[in-house]
């Protein structure tokens, strides 16, 4: 009723709350006498990662320290050796939920000691029902799963145990940056159903280093350019359409440096629709990539069943991968002709478009309907989803399959993908904080 009063509650920005907590931790550390044998331990130091901790102490001599969270077996013990120093402020990553975790500190070429860190049961942790891998394959790597709309970012080891978890609803892609930090959509909902205010750059502890607030918000995907700037999928809030704008955002300034509006090259009313098309959400851009050799962004338009490539400087359309049926004649020269022997399938309502180093295009082909003509569309029971890799020849305008996977499983994969949700992404990372060249930097206070 109009007579009811609206109550507004101001929430302190998480980055401010975390910075205050960091100052408190450092003040306590500096005021104390914490040693290798009696360190300061802070669990969940930045409020949003309950499976992480900081261990702080000093040593008389400069030395490197190895921190290990002891796993249930050798493959799931997570270790990292940090650079030498006398003042040690070290992340502890990969704790198990709801148990007394054994953590080991080791002095380089010296003695070691163990202590325990107690963790609580996660309230919103997505338990893994099945992990189809082996310790020899996954080793101490983790499988990261990131959500949209509902769910929380979570990482699993080869046994399916949760070893990393963020308790705020960050959105969409979780990407490793060159400096070792992570970028992901913020938890500030800007507009339903899933447009958030921008990006967080954070470390593995969950400490937010930078919050990028983007005009039009953020959805689905983003990439880091070679100069550190960010390409971010966004919206024009003053437009009648959504998910058809891409911004280049300055890494240091947070300002929009450049924008690409896909409506300038493809008219929304001219694009033949996919099953989920609407004039409001006519393109539904759900992935972005960039080819340095050709200086061209590549973007996935789910609701056009199309992957497009544009010129970086001008935004002009270069080519389209997709079923050309139903497109107006003026677009026909942008499409490819299947080449090579054997059966060829176009992708429909694709996700997770990736550019390989040799220029191939990979995606998850949802396969919804498998036709641009409504009367010809397949029922799910007669259809399939798959992973597919295409090789294109832009000079000859030809395309061929390099590889495809799971087509032979038919509707089993479609059922699984639809149940999982079309936006859920998996990210396979080489160890969350250490081994084999994947070091995430030195998170936490410095």
Protein backbone atom coordinates (compact mmCIF):
# COMPACT_ATOMS: atom_id res chain seq x y z
CA UNK A 1 0.00 0.00 0.00
CA UNK A 2 1.09 3.57 -0.66
CA UNK A 3 0.79 4.34 3.05
CA UNK A 4 3.55 1.89 3.95
CA UNK A 5 6.97 3.38 4.50
CA UNK A 6 9.91 2.12 2.50
CA UNK A 7 12.92 1.28 4.62
CA UNK A 8 16.34 1.79 3.09
CA UNK A 9 19.36 0.05 4.55
CA UNK A 10 22.86 1.23 3.66
CA UNK A 11 25.39 -1.56 3.32
CA UNK A 12 29.04 -0.70 3.76
CA UNK A 13 31.02 -1.49 0.60
CA UNK A 14 32.79 -4.82 1.04
CA UNK A 15 36.11 -3.37 -0.13
CA UNK A 16 35.97 -0.78 2.71
CA UNK A 17 35.02 -3.42 5.26
CA UNK A 18 37.90 -5.63 4.14
CA UNK A 19 40.43 -2.78 4.24
CA UNK A 20 39.46 -1.97 7.83
CA UNK A 21 39.81 -5.65 8.75
CA UNK A 22 43.25 -5.75 7.13
CA UNK A 23 44.42 -2.75 9.17
CA UNK A 24 43.19 -4.43 12.35
CA UNK A 25 45.04 -7.65 11.49
CA UNK A 26 48.29 -5.80 10.80
CA UNK A 27 48.01 -3.69 13.96
CA UNK A 28 47.55 -6.82 16.08
CA UNK A 29 50.46 -8.52 14.32
CA UNK A 30 52.82 -5.58 14.79
CA UNK A 31 51.89 -5.26 18.46
CA UNK A 32 52.49 -8.94 19.22
CA UNK A 33 55.42 -11.34 19.31
CA UNK A 34 54.38 -14.00 16.83
CA UNK A 35 56.97 -16.62 15.94
CA UNK A 36 57.26 -19.73 13.79
CA UNK A 37 56.34 -21.82 16.84
CA UNK A 38 53.58 -19.47 17.98
CA UNK A 39 52.09 -17.78 14.92
CA UNK A 40 49.06 -15.53 14.62
CA UNK A 41 46.28 -17.33 12.73
CA UNK A 42 43.24 -15.53 11.30
CA UNK A 43 40.53 -17.66 9.71
CA UNK A 44 38.36 -16.21 6.94
CA UNK A 45 40.33 -12.95 7.14
CA UNK A 46 38.28 -11.10 4.50
CA UNK A 47 34.82 -12.39 5.45
CA UNK A 48 33.92 -14.22 2.21
CA UNK A 49 36.21 -17.29 2.05
CA UNK A 50 35.66 -19.52 5.11
CA UNK A 51 38.05 -22.15 3.72
CA UNK A 52 41.03 -19.80 3.90
CA UNK A 53 43.20 -18.28 6.61
CA UNK A 54 46.22 -16.05 7.17
CA UNK A 55 49.20 -17.15 9.23
CA UNK A 56 51.51 -14.38 10.44
CA UNK A 57 54.89 -14.59 12.23
CA UNK A 58 58.49 -13.37 12.12
CA UNK A 59 61.80 -15.23 11.89
CA UNK A 60 65.25 -14.00 12.91
CA UNK A 61 66.82 -14.97 9.61
CA UNK A 62 65.50 -14.58 6.09
CA UNK A 63 63.98 -17.84 4.97
CA UNK A 64 61.39 -19.24 2.59
CA UNK A 65 58.36 -20.89 4.17
CA UNK A 66 56.24 -23.72 2.79
CA UNK A 67 52.58 -23.80 3.82
CA UNK A 68 50.72 -27.10 3.35
CA UNK A 69 47.11 -28.04 4.02
CA UNK A 70 47.25 -31.78 4.55
CA UNK A 71 44.75 -33.56 2.33
CA UNK A 72 42.95 -36.84 2.68
CA UNK A 73 45.64 -38.38 0.47
CA UNK A 74 48.87 -37.30 -1.21
CA UNK A 75 47.09 -35.95 -4.30
CA UNK A 76 44.90 -33.58 -2.27
CA UNK A 77 47.59 -32.03 -0.07
CA UNK A 78 47.91 -28.42 -1.22
CA UNK A 79 51.31 -26.79 -0.72
CA UNK A 80 53.08 -23.61 -1.70
CA UNK A 81 56.51 -22.21 -0.90
CA UNK A 82 56.59 -18.44 -0.40
CA UNK A 83 59.62 -16.18 -1.02
CA UNK A 84 62.17 -15.71 1.74
CA UNK A 85 61.83 -12.97 4.31
CA UNK A 86 61.75 -12.33 8.04
CA UNK A 87 58.18 -10.99 8.17
CA UNK A 88 55.77 -13.66 6.97
CA UNK A 89 52.11 -12.93 6.15
CA UNK A 90 51.05 -16.09 4.33
CA UNK A 91 47.78 -17.36 2.86
CA UNK A 92 46.47 -20.75 3.92
CA UNK A 93 44.29 -22.01 1.08
CA UNK A 94 42.39 -25.23 0.49
CA UNK A 95 40.93 -25.96 3.94
CA UNK A 96 38.19 -28.57 4.25
CA UNK A 97 34.81 -27.56 5.68
CA UNK A 98 33.53 -28.76 9.06
CA UNK A 99 36.72 -30.29 10.40
CA UNK A 100 40.02 -29.81 12.22
CA UNK A 101 42.38 -29.14 9.33
CA UNK A 102 46.04 -30.03 9.73
CA UNK A 103 48.31 -27.26 8.46
CA UNK A 104 52.06 -27.63 8.22
CA UNK A 105 54.66 -24.84 8.16
CA UNK A 106 58.10 -25.75 6.88
CA UNK A 107 61.30 -23.69 6.96
CA UNK A 108 63.32 -24.07 3.77
CA UNK A 109 65.87 -26.83 4.37
CA UNK A 110 64.89 -26.74 8.03
CA UNK A 111 62.37 -27.97 10.51
CA UNK A 112 58.59 -28.05 10.23
CA UNK A 113 55.65 -27.93 12.59
CA UNK A 114 51.95 -28.63 12.41
CA UNK A 115 48.87 -26.98 13.88
CA UNK A 116 45.13 -27.21 13.30
CA UNK A 117 42.52 -24.82 11.95
CA UNK A 118 38.87 -25.53 12.76
CA UNK A 119 36.28 -24.75 10.08
CA UNK A 120 32.51 -24.78 10.19
CA UNK A 121 30.11 -26.49 7.82
CA UNK A 122 29.28 -24.37 4.79
CA UNK A 123 25.70 -23.13 4.83
CA UNK A 124 25.37 -22.78 1.06
CA UNK A 125 28.07 -25.06 -0.24
CA UNK A 126 27.17 -26.95 -3.41
CA UNK A 127 28.06 -30.53 -2.52
CA UNK A 128 29.59 -32.53 -5.36
CA UNK A 129 27.53 -35.61 -6.20
CA UNK A 130 30.03 -37.08 -8.65
CA UNK A 131 33.60 -36.24 -9.67
CA UNK A 132 34.57 -38.15 -12.78
CA UNK A 133 38.35 -37.84 -12.65
CA UNK A 134 41.42 -39.49 -11.13
CA UNK A 135 44.13 -38.22 -8.77
CA UNK A 136 46.73 -38.90 -11.48
CA UNK A 137 44.92 -36.53 -13.86
CA UNK A 138 43.70 -33.74 -11.57
CA UNK A 139 46.48 -34.08 -8.96
CA UNK A 140 46.33 -31.08 -6.59
CA UNK A 141 44.43 -28.94 -9.10
CA UNK A 142 40.90 -27.81 -8.33
CA UNK A 143 37.80 -27.64 -10.51
CA UNK A 144 36.09 -24.26 -10.13
CA UNK A 145 32.36 -23.85 -10.77
CA UNK A 146 30.89 -20.36 -11.03
CA UNK A 147 27.16 -19.57 -10.91
CA UNK A 148 24.64 -17.06 -12.12
CA UNK A 149 21.41 -15.92 -10.42
CA UNK A 150 21.72 -18.53 -7.66
CA UNK A 151 24.58 -20.51 -6.18
CA UNK A 152 28.06 -19.56 -5.03
CA UNK A 153 31.51 -19.94 -6.58
CA UNK A 154 33.03 -23.20 -5.37
CA UNK A 155 36.10 -25.33 -6.15
CA UNK A 156 36.48 -29.10 -5.77
CA UNK A 157 39.47 -31.41 -5.52
CA UNK A 158 39.82 -34.77 -7.24
CA UNK A 159 37.79 -36.46 -4.49
CA UNK A 160 34.91 -34.03 -4.97
CA UNK A 161 35.58 -32.26 -1.66
CA UNK A 162 35.04 -28.49 -1.48
CA UNK A 163 38.39 -26.71 -0.97
CA UNK A 164 37.53 -23.11 -1.91
CA UNK A 165 34.27 -21.22 -1.56
CA UNK A 166 33.04 -17.62 -1.81
CA UNK A 167 30.02 -16.78 0.36
CA UNK A 168 28.74 -13.79 -1.64
CA UNK A 169 26.90 -14.33 -4.96
CA UNK A 170 29.59 -13.22 -7.38
CA UNK A 171 28.49 -13.71 -10.96
CA UNK A 172 29.56 -15.41 -14.18
CA UNK A 173 33.15 -15.81 -15.36
CA UNK A 174 35.99 -16.35 -12.90
CA UNK A 175 39.23 -15.51 -14.72
CA UNK A 176 42.88 -15.62 -13.71
CA UNK A 177 44.72 -12.37 -14.50
CA UNK A 178 48.37 -11.95 -15.39
CA UNK A 179 49.17 -10.66 -11.89
CA UNK A 180 47.69 -13.84 -10.37
CA UNK A 181 44.50 -12.25 -9.06
CA UNK A 182 41.00 -13.32 -10.05
CA UNK A 183 38.29 -11.27 -11.74
CA UNK A 184 34.61 -12.05 -11.49
CA UNK A 185 31.28 -10.24 -11.51
CA UNK A 186 30.43 -8.31 -8.35
CA UNK A 187 27.62 -9.30 -5.99
CA UNK A 188 25.83 -5.96 -6.41
CA UNK A 189 22.70 -6.69 -8.43
CA UNK A 190 21.99 -3.75 -10.71
CA UNK A 191 19.03 -5.06 -12.69
CA UNK A 192 17.18 -8.36 -12.80
CA UNK A 193 17.80 -11.09 -13.61
CA UNK A 194 21.61 -11.03 -13.38
CA UNK A 195 23.09 -7.70 -14.45
CA UNK A 196 25.57 -6.69 -11.75
CA UNK A 197 27.38 -3.41 -11.18
CA UNK A 198 30.76 -4.49 -12.51
CA UNK A 199 33.81 -6.61 -11.67
CA UNK A 200 35.82 -7.50 -8.58
CA UNK A 201 39.54 -8.10 -8.84
CA UNK A 202 40.39 -10.23 -5.84
CA UNK A 203 42.97 -12.70 -4.62
CA UNK A 204 42.38 -16.32 -3.63
CA UNK A 205 41.71 -15.31 -0.03
CA UNK A 206 38.73 -13.28 -1.24
CA UNK A 207 40.43 -9.91 -0.63
CA UNK A 208 39.06 -7.41 -3.17
CA UNK A 209 41.89 -5.30 -4.58
CA UNK A 210 39.80 -3.29 -7.06
CA UNK A 211 36.10 -2.89 -7.73
CA UNK A 212 35.24 -1.80 -11.28
CA UNK A 213 31.81 -0.16 -11.52
CA UNK A 214 30.75 -0.21 -15.15
CA UNK A 215 28.04 1.95 -16.79
CA UNK A 216 25.40 -0.52 -17.91
CA UNK A 217 26.72 -3.18 -15.57
CA UNK A 218 28.32 -6.54 -16.32
CA UNK A 219 27.06 -9.90 -17.52
CA UNK A 220 28.44 -13.24 -18.72
CA UNK A 221 32.08 -12.68 -19.68
CA UNK A 222 35.19 -10.51 -19.71
CA UNK A 223 38.84 -10.80 -20.77
CA UNK A 224 42.11 -9.11 -19.92
CA UNK A 225 43.99 -7.51 -22.83
CA UNK A 226 47.78 -7.63 -23.18
CA UNK A 227 48.04 -4.07 -21.81
CA UNK A 228 45.97 -5.01 -18.76
CA UNK A 229 42.78 -3.27 -19.84
CA UNK A 230 39.52 -5.20 -19.57
CA UNK A 231 36.96 -6.07 -22.24
CA UNK A 232 33.61 -6.41 -20.49
CA UNK A 233 30.20 -7.47 -21.78
CA UNK A 234 27.64 -4.88 -20.74
CA UNK A 235 24.31 -3.16 -21.52
CA UNK A 236 23.09 0.22 -22.62
CA UNK A 237 20.51 1.01 -19.95
CA UNK A 238 18.96 3.73 -22.15
CA UNK A 239 18.38 1.31 -25.03
CA UNK A 240 15.38 -0.92 -25.71
CA UNK A 241 17.66 -3.95 -25.98
CA UNK A 242 20.07 -5.79 -23.67
CA UNK A 243 23.30 -7.83 -23.93
CA UNK A 244 24.49 -6.24 -27.17
CA UNK A 245 27.15 -3.82 -25.87
CA UNK A 246 30.83 -4.45 -25.12
CA UNK A 247 33.12 -2.00 -23.30
CA UNK A 248 36.88 -1.62 -23.10
CA UNK A 249 37.60 -0.47 -19.53
CA UNK A 250 40.89 1.10 -18.46
CA UNK A 251 42.56 -1.08 -15.85
CA UNK A 252 44.05 1.80 -13.88
CA UNK A 253 41.27 4.37 -14.29
CA UNK A 254 38.13 2.23 -14.43
CA UNK A 255 36.86 4.48 -17.22
CA UNK A 256 35.22 3.21 -20.41
CA UNK A 257 37.85 3.73 -23.13
CA UNK A 258 35.93 2.27 -26.06
CA UNK A 259 32.58 0.64 -26.79
CA UNK A 260 31.20 -1.67 -29.46
CA UNK A 261 27.44 -1.69 -30.15
CA UNK A 262 26.50 -4.76 -32.17
CA UNK A 263 23.29 -3.12 -33.40
CA UNK A 264 25.40 -0.94 -35.68
CA UNK A 265 26.36 -3.99 -37.76
CA UNK A 266 23.42 -6.35 -37.31
CA UNK A 267 19.87 -5.06 -37.18
CA UNK A 268 17.98 -6.82 -34.36
CA UNK A 269 14.85 -7.24 -36.46
CA UNK A 270 16.88 -8.80 -39.31
CA UNK A 271 18.66 -11.51 -37.31
CA UNK A 272 16.77 -14.80 -37.67
CA UNK A 273 15.84 -15.86 -34.14
CA UNK A 274 16.93 -18.80 -32.05
CA UNK A 275 14.45 -20.62 -29.82
CA UNK A 276 14.96 -18.16 -26.93
CA UNK A 277 15.11 -14.98 -29.04
CA UNK A 278 13.15 -11.87 -28.19
CA UNK A 279 13.47 -8.43 -29.76
CA UNK A 280 14.49 -7.11 -26.34
CA UNK A 281 17.21 -9.78 -25.95
CA UNK A 282 17.92 -10.32 -29.63
CA UNK A 283 21.68 -11.03 -29.44
CA UNK A 284 22.33 -12.28 -25.89
CA UNK A 285 26.12 -11.99 -25.96
CA UNK A 286 27.49 -14.65 -23.62
CA UNK A 287 31.22 -14.83 -24.47
CA UNK A 288 34.06 -12.64 -25.74
CA UNK A 289 37.56 -13.41 -27.01
CA UNK A 290 40.32 -11.49 -28.73
CA UNK A 291 42.81 -12.46 -31.45
CA UNK A 292 46.00 -10.40 -31.16
CA UNK A 293 47.24 -11.53 -34.57
CA UNK A 294 44.23 -10.06 -36.38
CA UNK A 295 43.33 -7.39 -33.79
CA UNK A 296 39.74 -8.59 -33.72
CA UNK A 297 37.26 -9.39 -30.93
CA UNK A 298 35.06 -12.48 -31.32
CA UNK A 299 31.67 -12.59 -29.63
CA UNK A 300 28.97 -15.19 -29.09
CA UNK A 301 25.37 -14.20 -29.91
CA UNK A 302 23.30 -16.99 -28.40
CA UNK A 303 19.93 -15.70 -29.63
CA UNK A 304 21.18 -15.45 -33.21
CA UNK A 305 22.87 -18.88 -33.13
CA UNK A 306 25.92 -16.90 -34.29
CA UNK A 307 29.56 -16.31 -33.40
CA UNK A 308 30.69 -12.99 -34.86
CA UNK A 309 34.07 -11.35 -35.37
CA UNK A 310 34.50 -7.57 -35.58
CA UNK A 311 37.27 -5.08 -36.28
CA UNK A 312 38.77 -3.66 -33.08
CA UNK A 313 39.18 -0.11 -34.38
CA UNK A 314 35.91 0.33 -36.28
CA UNK A 315 33.57 -2.34 -34.94
CA UNK A 316 32.81 -3.42 -38.50
CA UNK A 317 31.63 -7.00 -38.99
CA UNK A 318 34.27 -9.38 -40.40
CA UNK A 319 32.57 -12.78 -40.36
CA UNK A 320 29.81 -14.92 -38.84
CA UNK A 321 29.96 -18.58 -37.82
CA UNK A 322 26.48 -20.08 -37.84
CA UNK A 323 23.65 -21.42 -39.93
CA UNK A 324 23.08 -18.85 -42.73
CA UNK A 325 19.50 -19.98 -43.35
CA UNK A 326 17.01 -17.17 -42.86
CA UNK A 327 19.52 -14.32 -42.86
CA UNK A 328 18.90 -11.45 -45.34
CA UNK A 329 20.99 -11.50 -48.50
CA UNK A 330 23.17 -8.57 -47.38
CA UNK A 331 24.71 -10.74 -44.65
CA UNK A 332 25.45 -13.80 -46.80
CA UNK A 333 29.06 -12.85 -47.64
CA UNK A 334 29.93 -12.89 -43.94
CA UNK A 335 29.13 -16.61 -43.55
CA UNK A 336 31.33 -19.68 -44.10
CA UNK A 337 30.74 -22.73 -46.31
CA UNK A 338 31.34 -26.18 -44.76
CA UNK A 339 34.35 -27.94 -46.30
CA UNK A 340 35.94 -31.35 -45.98
CA UNK A 341 34.56 -34.85 -45.89
CA UNK A 342 31.86 -36.12 -43.61
CA UNK A 343 28.85 -34.72 -41.81
CA UNK A 344 28.86 -31.10 -40.65
CA UNK A 345 26.69 -29.47 -37.98
CA UNK A 346 26.29 -25.80 -37.16
CA UNK A 347 26.12 -24.70 -33.53
CA UNK A 348 22.87 -23.43 -32.01
CA UNK A 349 22.45 -21.26 -28.87
CA UNK A 350 26.14 -21.80 -28.13
CA UNK A 351 28.03 -20.95 -24.93
CA UNK A 352 31.66 -20.77 -23.77
CA UNK A 353 33.19 -19.67 -27.08
CA UNK A 354 36.99 -19.91 -26.88
CA UNK A 355 39.72 -18.89 -29.33
CA UNK A 356 42.63 -21.33 -29.50
CA UNK A 357 46.22 -20.11 -30.01
CA UNK A 358 46.16 -21.32 -33.64
CA UNK A 359 42.97 -19.42 -34.45
CA UNK A 360 40.42 -22.23 -34.14
CA UNK A 361 37.03 -21.56 -32.54
CA UNK A 362 35.73 -23.83 -29.78
CA UNK A 363 32.35 -23.70 -28.08
CA UNK A 364 29.73 -25.66 -26.23
CA UNK A 365 27.03 -26.25 -28.83
CA UNK A 366 23.77 -26.40 -26.87
CA UNK A 367 22.06 -27.46 -30.08
CA UNK A 368 18.63 -26.15 -29.14
CA UNK A 369 16.29 -26.93 -32.05
CA UNK A 370 19.10 -27.43 -34.59
CA UNK A 371 17.36 -25.34 -37.22
CA UNK A 372 16.64 -21.70 -38.00
CA UNK A 373 13.22 -22.79 -39.29
CA UNK A 374 10.71 -23.38 -36.45
CA UNK A 375 8.91 -26.18 -38.33
CA UNK A 376 12.17 -28.12 -38.73
CA UNK A 377 13.35 -27.91 -35.12
CA UNK A 378 14.09 -31.14 -33.27
CA UNK A 379 12.64 -32.28 -29.98
CA UNK A 380 15.20 -32.74 -27.21
CA UNK A 381 14.71 -36.51 -27.32
CA UNK A 382 15.96 -36.50 -30.92
CA UNK A 383 18.76 -33.99 -30.41
CA UNK A 384 22.24 -33.66 -28.94
CA UNK A 385 24.59 -31.15 -27.37
CA UNK A 386 28.35 -31.30 -27.81
CA UNK A 387 31.68 -29.59 -27.55
CA UNK A 388 32.96 -28.59 -30.99
CA UNK A 389 36.11 -27.09 -32.47
CA UNK A 390 35.99 -25.37 -35.85
CA UNK A 391 38.82 -24.38 -38.18
CA UNK A 392 38.02 -21.46 -40.45
CA UNK A 393 39.67 -20.08 -43.58
CA UNK A 394 38.72 -16.41 -43.70
CA UNK A 395 40.15 -15.96 -47.21
CA UNK A 396 38.19 -18.80 -48.79
CA UNK A 397 35.28 -18.43 -46.32
CA UNK A 398 35.30 -22.16 -45.50
CA UNK A 399 34.81 -23.95 -42.21
CA UNK A 400 35.34 -27.54 -41.08
CA UNK A 401 35.19 -29.63 -37.93
CA UNK A 402 38.49 -30.23 -36.19
CA UNK A 403 36.96 -32.21 -33.36
CA UNK A 404 33.66 -32.73 -31.61
CA UNK A 405 32.79 -34.53 -28.39
CA UNK A 406 29.66 -36.02 -26.84
CA UNK A 407 27.50 -35.85 -29.96
CA UNK A 408 27.23 -39.64 -29.80
CA UNK A 409 25.57 -39.41 -26.38
CA UNK A 410 22.54 -37.72 -27.91
CA UNK A 411 19.84 -36.46 -25.54
CA UNK A 412 21.76 -37.55 -22.41
CA UNK A 413 24.03 -34.51 -22.75
CA UNK A 414 21.12 -32.18 -23.54
CA UNK A 415 19.28 -33.31 -20.42
CA UNK A 416 22.38 -32.82 -18.27
CA UNK A 417 23.17 -29.39 -19.70
CA UNK A 418 19.63 -28.10 -19.32
CA UNK A 419 19.42 -29.35 -15.74
CA UNK A 420 22.77 -27.75 -14.91
CA UNK A 421 21.64 -24.42 -16.30
CA UNK A 422 22.92 -22.81 -19.48
CA UNK A 423 25.11 -20.24 -17.74
CA UNK A 424 26.98 -22.44 -15.29
CA UNK A 425 30.67 -22.46 -16.17
CA UNK A 426 33.54 -24.71 -15.16
CA UNK A 427 37.11 -23.52 -14.90
CA UNK A 428 40.03 -25.95 -14.66
CA UNK A 429 42.93 -24.24 -12.92
CA UNK A 430 46.46 -25.46 -12.41
CA UNK A 431 46.55 -25.49 -8.61
CA UNK A 432 44.87 -22.66 -6.74
CA UNK A 433 48.02 -21.08 -5.39
CA UNK A 434 51.19 -22.80 -6.33
CA UNK A 435 52.39 -25.75 -8.30
CA UNK A 436 53.40 -25.73 -11.93
CA UNK A 437 53.41 -22.04 -12.68
CA UNK A 438 49.95 -21.05 -11.49
CA UNK A 439 50.99 -18.99 -8.46
CA UNK A 440 48.24 -16.50 -7.66
CA UNK A 441 50.63 -13.85 -6.46
CA UNK A 442 50.97 -13.16 -2.77
CA UNK A 443 47.43 -12.50 -1.54
CA UNK A 444 46.70 -10.61 1.61
CA UNK A 445 48.54 -7.77 3.32
CA UNK A 446 51.87 -6.68 1.90
